[in-house]
C-alpha atoms as a PDB file:
ATOM      1  CA  MET A   1     109.199  62.744  96.157  1.00  0.00           C
ATOM      2  CA  VAL A   2     106.948  61.220  98.798  1.00  0.00           C
ATOM      3  CA  VAL A   3     108.137  57.926 100.242  1.00  0.00           C
ATOM      4  CA  LEU A   4     105.880  55.899 102.466  1.00  0.00           C
ATOM      5  CA  SER A   5     107.389  54.719 105.744  1.00  0.00           C
ATOM      6  CA  SER A   6     107.476  51.136 104.503  1.00  0.00           C
ATOM      7  CA  GLY A   7     109.714  52.203 101.605  1.00  0.00           C
ATOM      8  CA  CYS A   8     107.079  51.181  99.051  1.00  0.00           C
ATOM      9  CA  SER A   9     105.311  53.949  97.135  1.00  0.00           C
ATOM     10  CA  CYS A  10     102.407  51.688  96.113  1.00  0.00           C
ATOM     11  CA  LEU A  11     100.707  50.718  99.388  1.00  0.00           C
ATOM     12  CA  PRO A  12      99.234  53.146 101.927  1.00  0.00           C
ATOM     13  CA  THR A  13     100.704  53.018 105.421  1.00  0.00           C
ATOM     14  CA  PRO A  14      99.961  54.952 108.628  1.00  0.00           C
ATOM     15  CA  GLY A  15     103.075  57.153 108.329  1.00  0.00           C
ATOM     16  CA  ILE A  16     104.551  59.211 105.528  1.00  0.00           C
ATOM     17  CA  ASP A  17     108.112  60.536 105.454  1.00  0.00           C
ATOM     18  CA  PHE A  18     108.806  63.870 103.755  1.00  0.00           C
ATOM     19  CA  ASP A  19     112.231  65.178 102.869  1.00  0.00           C
ATOM     20  CA  PRO A  20     112.007  69.001 102.758  1.00  0.00           C
ATOM     21  CA  GLU A  21     114.999  69.127 100.428  1.00  0.00           C
ATOM     22  CA  THR A  22     113.284  67.050  97.725  1.00  0.00           C
ATOM     23  CA  VAL A  23     109.672  68.185  98.274  1.00  0.00           C
ATOM     24  CA  GLY A  24     110.521  71.878  97.965  1.00  0.00           C
ATOM     25  CA  ARG A  25     109.929  74.806 100.271  1.00  0.00           C
ATOM     26  CA  ASN A  26     106.488  75.968  99.074  1.00  0.00           C
ATOM     27  CA  PRO A  27     104.739  72.543  99.001  1.00  0.00           C
ATOM     28  CA  PHE A  28     106.248  71.638 102.382  1.00  0.00           C
ATOM     29  CA  TYR A  29     105.035  74.948 103.860  1.00  0.00           C
ATOM     30  CA  LYS A  30     101.523  74.350 102.483  1.00  0.00           C
ATOM     31  CA  LEU A  31     101.564  70.860 103.994  1.00  0.00           C
ATOM     32  CA  LEU A  32     102.594  71.988 107.489  1.00  0.00           C
ATOM     33  CA  THR A  33     100.611  75.242 107.807  1.00  0.00           C
ATOM     34  CA  PRO A  34      97.192  73.640 108.573  1.00  0.00           C
ATOM     35  CA  VAL A  35      98.827  71.403 111.177  1.00  0.00           C
ATOM     36  CA  VAL A  36     100.854  74.051 113.002  1.00  0.00           C
ATOM     37  CA  VAL A  37      98.652  77.173 112.778  1.00  0.00           C
ATOM     38  CA  PRO A  38      95.898  77.070 115.403  1.00  0.00           C
ATOM     39  CA  ARG A  39      92.309  77.364 114.267  1.00  0.00           C
ATOM     40  CA  PRO A  40      89.895  79.824 115.873  1.00  0.00           C
ATOM     41  CA  ILE A  41      87.729  78.379 118.628  1.00  0.00           C
ATOM     42  CA  ALA A  42      84.278  79.723 119.441  1.00  0.00           C
ATOM     43  CA  ARG A  43      82.081  78.979 122.428  1.00  0.00           C
ATOM     44  CA  VAL A  44      78.611  77.946 121.318  1.00  0.00           C
ATOM     45  CA  SER A  45      75.793  77.998 123.819  1.00  0.00           C
ATOM     46  CA  THR A  46      72.225  76.794 123.684  1.00  0.00           C
ATOM     47  CA  ILE A  47      69.334  77.112 126.105  1.00  0.00           C
ATOM     48  CA  ASP A  48      66.460  74.651 126.264  1.00  0.00           C
ATOM     49  CA  PRO A  49      63.290  76.792 126.391  1.00  0.00           C
ATOM     50  CA  ASP A  50      61.351  74.195 128.391  1.00  0.00           C
ATOM     51  CA  THR A  51      63.844  73.360 131.151  1.00  0.00           C
ATOM     52  CA  LEU A  52      66.156  76.389 130.801  1.00  0.00           C
ATOM     53  CA  ALA A  53      69.091  73.971 130.734  1.00  0.00           C
ATOM     54  CA  VAL A  54      72.229  75.604 129.355  1.00  0.00           C
ATOM     55  CA  SER A  55      74.788  73.867 127.176  1.00  0.00           C
ATOM     56  CA  LEU A  56      78.178  75.370 126.327  1.00  0.00           C
ATOM     57  CA  ALA A  57      80.626  73.714 123.926  1.00  0.00           C
ATOM     58  CA  PRO A  58      83.767  74.654 121.998  1.00  0.00           C
ATOM     59  CA  ALA A  59      83.509  74.769 118.203  1.00  0.00           C
ATOM     60  CA  LYS A  60      86.426  74.943 115.758  1.00  0.00           C
ATOM     61  CA  PHE A  61      85.991  76.463 112.339  1.00  0.00           C
END
């Protein structure tokens, strides 16, 4: 059972409370895995052919 932080299950609120005992182990694991497991980060670079300016930025995928 998902209970919103306001105690009302009908209106969306900024926070959601989860009770691992009532949600179950597998759904709770699937909920937390994308939050806890880091995503790979790549460095993407581009070079402007006219000015030879270089740009380097992180990219998550």
